[in-house]
Amino acid sequence: MTLRSLFVDFNSYFASVEQQENPSLRGRPIAVVPVMANSSCCIAASIEAKKYGVKTGTLVAEAKERCPELTLVLAHPALYVPYHHRLLKAIDNCIPIYKVGSIDEAECRLMGREREPDRAIEIAHRIKQSVSETGDWLQCSVGIAPNGFLAKTASDMQKPDGLVVLEEKDLPDALFRLKISDLCGVGYNMEKRLRHSGIHSVEQLCFSSRTKLKE
């Protein structure tokens, strides 16, 4: 099993774009919201806001309690799409894009000698540089692994501005420090079912039989 996938995740995408466009917001905890109401929820939080526990889905009222200095910013969807295309072009200048999963992420396939760890890491650094040239307040985390699922997981393991490589020799031990909910596809209901079946950690999940997981 060799390195085949490189996954790029743009950090705090909507919030970072807002900070890129408005320098007065830089370095400050901000939350992007669909409407200016305490009953609404945050659709994005800046890196600074996340340090206070504010994240996507956090109710605005709760976010204000956690971070009294929080600045609310009304979402500008028409702004995020052009940046999305500019960032995809920045990646494509370094390596062809295989698949775009959402507005803040993209997967690339590694071919030939690109699958060598040193080469893959070199590509990742070029992508990071290209992204920063698109906007000096824009960052990304990159995950490199044998498949897309693991590469996406790796991109979440070190934020912001992270770079994590999961080689075959690292697996599955490198995943054991993660929570089950850190794995892509494991939402609230799935986690609840897993715990009901006695699976409370990624290690237990990895060593569960196919039969048990199917049940």
Protein backbone atom coordinates (compact mmCIF):
# COMPACT_ATOMS: atom_id res chain seq x y z
CA MET A 1 0.00 0.00 0.00
CA THR A 2 1.68 3.17 -1.22
CA LEU A 3 0.86 6.88 -1.07
CA ARG A 4 -1.82 7.52 -3.68
CA SER A 5 -3.86 10.48 -2.42
CA LEU A 6 -3.15 14.09 -1.43
CA PHE A 7 -6.04 15.93 0.21
CA VAL A 8 -6.22 19.72 0.62
CA ASP A 9 -8.49 21.33 3.23
CA PHE A 10 -8.78 25.12 3.34
CA ASN A 11 -8.68 26.19 7.00
CA SER A 12 -11.72 28.07 8.36
CA TYR A 13 -12.58 28.83 4.75
CA PHE A 14 -15.50 31.31 4.90
CA ALA A 15 -14.02 33.11 7.90
CA SER A 16 -10.55 33.28 6.34
CA VAL A 17 -11.96 34.73 3.12
CA GLU A 18 -13.74 37.41 5.17
CA GLN A 19 -10.47 38.21 6.94
CA GLN A 20 -8.63 38.28 3.63
CA GLU A 21 -11.10 40.79 2.22
CA ASN A 22 -11.29 42.90 5.39
CA PRO A 23 -7.88 43.35 7.09
CA SER A 24 -9.54 44.84 10.18
CA LEU A 25 -10.90 41.36 10.96
CA ARG A 26 -7.51 39.66 10.84
CA GLY A 27 -6.20 38.16 14.06
CA ARG A 28 -9.62 38.54 15.68
CA PRO A 29 -12.16 35.86 16.63
CA ILE A 30 -14.97 36.07 14.10
CA ALA A 31 -17.96 33.92 13.20
CA VAL A 32 -19.71 33.93 9.86
CA VAL A 33 -23.49 33.77 10.21
CA PRO A 34 -26.44 33.53 7.76
CA VAL A 35 -28.47 36.16 9.66
CA MET A 36 -27.70 38.51 12.53
CA ALA A 37 -29.69 36.77 15.26
CA ASN A 38 -28.77 35.06 18.54
CA SER A 39 -31.04 32.17 17.56
CA SER A 40 -29.00 31.54 14.42
CA CYS A 41 -25.88 29.37 14.26
CA CYS A 42 -22.33 29.90 13.06
CA ILE A 43 -21.62 28.53 9.61
CA ALA A 44 -17.89 29.16 10.03
CA ALA A 45 -15.47 30.29 12.72
CA SER A 46 -12.05 31.86 12.34
CA ILE A 47 -8.97 30.11 13.67
CA GLU A 48 -8.94 32.60 16.55
CA ALA A 49 -12.60 31.85 17.43
CA LYS A 50 -12.03 28.10 17.39
CA LYS A 51 -9.63 28.51 20.32
CA TYR A 52 -12.68 29.46 22.39
CA GLY A 53 -14.64 26.40 21.28
CA VAL A 54 -16.67 28.23 18.65
CA LYS A 55 -17.18 26.07 15.57
CA THR A 56 -19.54 25.36 12.70
CA GLY A 57 -23.01 24.72 14.10
CA THR A 58 -22.47 26.57 17.37
CA LEU A 59 -25.49 28.70 18.29
CA VAL A 60 -24.70 32.41 18.11
CA ALA A 61 -25.87 33.00 21.68
CA GLU A 62 -23.61 30.20 22.92
CA ALA A 63 -20.71 31.46 20.80
CA LYS A 64 -21.00 34.91 22.39
CA GLU A 65 -20.88 33.35 25.86
CA ARG A 66 -17.77 31.37 24.99
CA CYS A 67 -16.08 34.34 23.36
CA PRO A 68 -17.37 37.78 24.47
CA GLU A 69 -15.02 39.46 21.98
CA LEU A 70 -16.51 37.55 19.05
CA THR A 71 -17.32 39.57 15.94
CA LEU A 72 -20.23 38.38 13.81
CA VAL A 73 -19.91 38.71 10.05
CA LEU A 74 -22.83 38.25 7.68
CA ALA A 75 -22.07 35.58 5.08
CA HIS A 76 -21.19 36.64 1.53
CA PRO A 77 -21.69 33.52 -0.67
CA ALA A 78 -20.96 35.48 -3.85
CA LEU A 79 -17.49 36.17 -2.43
CA TYR A 80 -16.62 32.58 -1.53
CA VAL A 81 -17.20 31.07 -4.98
CA PRO A 82 -14.62 33.19 -6.86
CA TYR A 83 -12.05 32.48 -4.15
CA HIS A 84 -12.89 28.79 -4.46
CA HIS A 85 -12.03 28.82 -8.17
CA ARG A 86 -8.85 30.82 -7.58
CA LEU A 87 -7.70 28.34 -4.93
CA LEU A 88 -8.46 25.35 -7.15
CA LYS A 89 -6.33 26.97 -9.85
CA ALA A 90 -3.56 27.43 -7.28
CA ILE A 91 -3.65 23.69 -6.55
CA ASP A 92 -3.91 22.76 -10.22
CA ASN A 93 -0.73 24.72 -10.91
CA CYS A 94 1.06 22.20 -8.68
CA ILE A 95 -0.78 18.95 -9.39
CA PRO A 96 -3.97 18.02 -11.29
CA ILE A 97 -7.12 17.92 -9.14
CA TYR A 98 -8.87 14.56 -9.07
CA LYS A 99 -12.04 15.48 -7.19
CA VAL A 100 -13.62 18.50 -5.51
CA GLY A 101 -15.64 17.36 -2.49
CA SER A 102 -16.93 20.74 -1.35
CA ILE A 103 -16.13 24.44 -1.55
CA ASP A 104 -13.29 24.12 0.98
CA GLU A 105 -11.55 20.91 -0.05
CA ALA A 106 -10.03 19.03 -2.98
CA GLU A 107 -8.38 15.65 -3.57
CA CYS A 108 -5.45 14.97 -5.88
CA ARG A 109 -4.11 11.61 -7.03
CA LEU A 110 -0.40 10.92 -6.76
CA MET A 111 1.14 9.19 -9.76
CA GLY A 112 4.50 7.51 -10.38
CA ARG A 113 7.35 9.04 -8.38
CA GLU A 114 4.91 11.50 -6.78
CA ARG A 115 4.01 8.58 -4.50
CA GLU A 116 7.44 8.72 -2.89
CA PRO A 117 7.11 10.48 0.51
CA ASP A 118 9.70 13.17 -0.23
CA ARG A 119 8.13 13.99 -3.59
CA ALA A 120 4.62 14.07 -2.14
CA ILE A 121 5.71 16.38 0.70
CA GLU A 122 7.43 18.66 -1.82
CA ILE A 123 4.16 18.94 -3.77
CA ALA A 124 2.29 19.71 -0.55
CA HIS A 125 4.66 22.58 0.25
CA ARG A 126 4.26 23.97 -3.27
CA ILE A 127 0.48 23.88 -2.84
CA LYS A 128 0.72 25.71 0.48
CA GLN A 129 2.91 28.39 -1.11
CA SER A 130 0.53 28.73 -4.06
CA VAL A 131 -2.46 29.07 -1.71
CA SER A 132 -0.72 31.78 0.33
CA GLU A 133 0.05 33.67 -2.89
CA THR A 134 -3.68 33.63 -3.66
CA GLY A 135 -4.30 35.39 -0.35
CA ASP A 136 -1.86 36.05 2.47
CA TRP A 137 -4.51 35.24 5.08
CA LEU A 138 -5.49 31.93 3.46
CA GLN A 139 -4.10 28.65 4.74
CA CYS A 140 -4.63 24.98 4.07
CA SER A 141 -3.92 21.68 5.74
CA VAL A 142 -2.70 18.79 3.60
CA GLY A 143 -3.08 15.08 4.23
CA ILE A 144 -1.16 12.44 2.27
CA ALA A 145 -2.08 8.76 2.51
CA PRO A 146 -2.74 5.50 0.62
CA ASN A 147 -6.35 6.43 -0.17
CA GLY A 148 -8.74 9.38 -0.17
CA PHE A 149 -10.44 8.52 3.11
CA LEU A 150 -7.15 8.35 5.00
CA ALA A 151 -5.79 11.45 3.26
CA LYS A 152 -8.89 13.43 4.28
CA THR A 153 -8.49 12.10 7.82
CA ALA A 154 -4.82 13.12 7.83
CA SER A 155 -5.70 16.66 6.69
CA ASP A 156 -7.81 17.05 9.85
CA MET A 157 -5.13 15.77 12.22
CA GLN A 158 -3.07 18.97 12.27
CA LYS A 159 -4.71 22.39 11.94
CA PRO A 160 -4.22 25.10 10.96
CA ASP A 161 -1.58 24.98 8.22
CA GLY A 162 -0.87 21.30 8.86
CA LEU A 163 0.86 18.60 6.85
CA VAL A 164 0.41 14.96 7.87
CA VAL A 165 1.64 11.90 6.00
CA LEU A 166 0.19 8.48 6.83
CA GLU A 167 2.35 5.70 5.40
CA GLU A 168 1.53 2.01 5.59
CA LYS A 169 4.04 1.56 8.40
CA ASP A 170 2.16 4.17 10.47
CA LEU A 171 -1.20 2.39 10.22
CA PRO A 172 -3.41 1.80 12.02
CA ASP A 173 -1.57 3.00 15.15
CA ALA A 174 -1.42 6.64 13.99
CA LEU A 175 -5.23 6.75 14.05
CA PHE A 176 -5.65 5.53 17.61
CA ARG A 177 -5.32 8.99 19.18
CA LEU A 178 -8.36 10.18 17.24
CA LYS A 179 -11.92 10.15 18.50
CA ILE A 180 -14.39 8.03 16.57
CA SER A 181 -16.22 11.18 15.57
CA ASP A 182 -13.01 12.49 13.95
CA LEU A 183 -13.42 9.92 11.17
CA CYS A 184 -15.16 11.09 8.02
CA GLY A 185 -18.69 9.70 7.85
CA VAL A 186 -19.08 9.09 11.57
CA GLY A 187 -21.78 11.51 12.65
CA TYR A 188 -23.88 11.62 15.81
CA ASN A 189 -26.13 8.67 14.92
CA MET A 190 -23.30 6.47 13.64
CA GLU A 191 -21.24 7.16 16.77
CA LYS A 192 -24.26 6.31 18.90
CA ARG A 193 -24.69 2.96 17.12
CA LEU A 194 -20.99 2.15 17.45
CA ARG A 195 -20.98 2.89 21.18
CA HIS A 196 -24.14 0.81 21.62
CA SER A 197 -22.16 -2.06 20.05
CA GLY A 198 -19.30 -1.59 22.52
CA ILE A 199 -17.01 0.33 20.15
CA HIS A 200 -15.76 3.41 21.98
CA SER A 201 -12.40 4.09 20.30
CA VAL A 202 -10.77 4.07 16.88
CA GLU A 203 -8.57 1.19 18.06
CA GLN A 204 -11.63 -0.91 18.90
CA LEU A 205 -13.13 0.04 15.54
CA CYS A 206 -10.01 -1.04 13.63
CA PHE A 207 -9.89 -4.43 15.31
CA SER A 208 -13.62 -5.19 15.10
CA SER A 209 -14.64 -8.04 12.82
CA ARG A 210 -16.42 -7.43 9.54
CA THR A 211 -19.37 -9.34 10.94
CA LYS A 212 -19.67 -7.07 13.96
CA LEU A 213 -19.35 -3.93 11.85
CA LYS A 214 -21.97 -5.17 9.41
CA GLU A 215 -24.35 -5.77 12.33
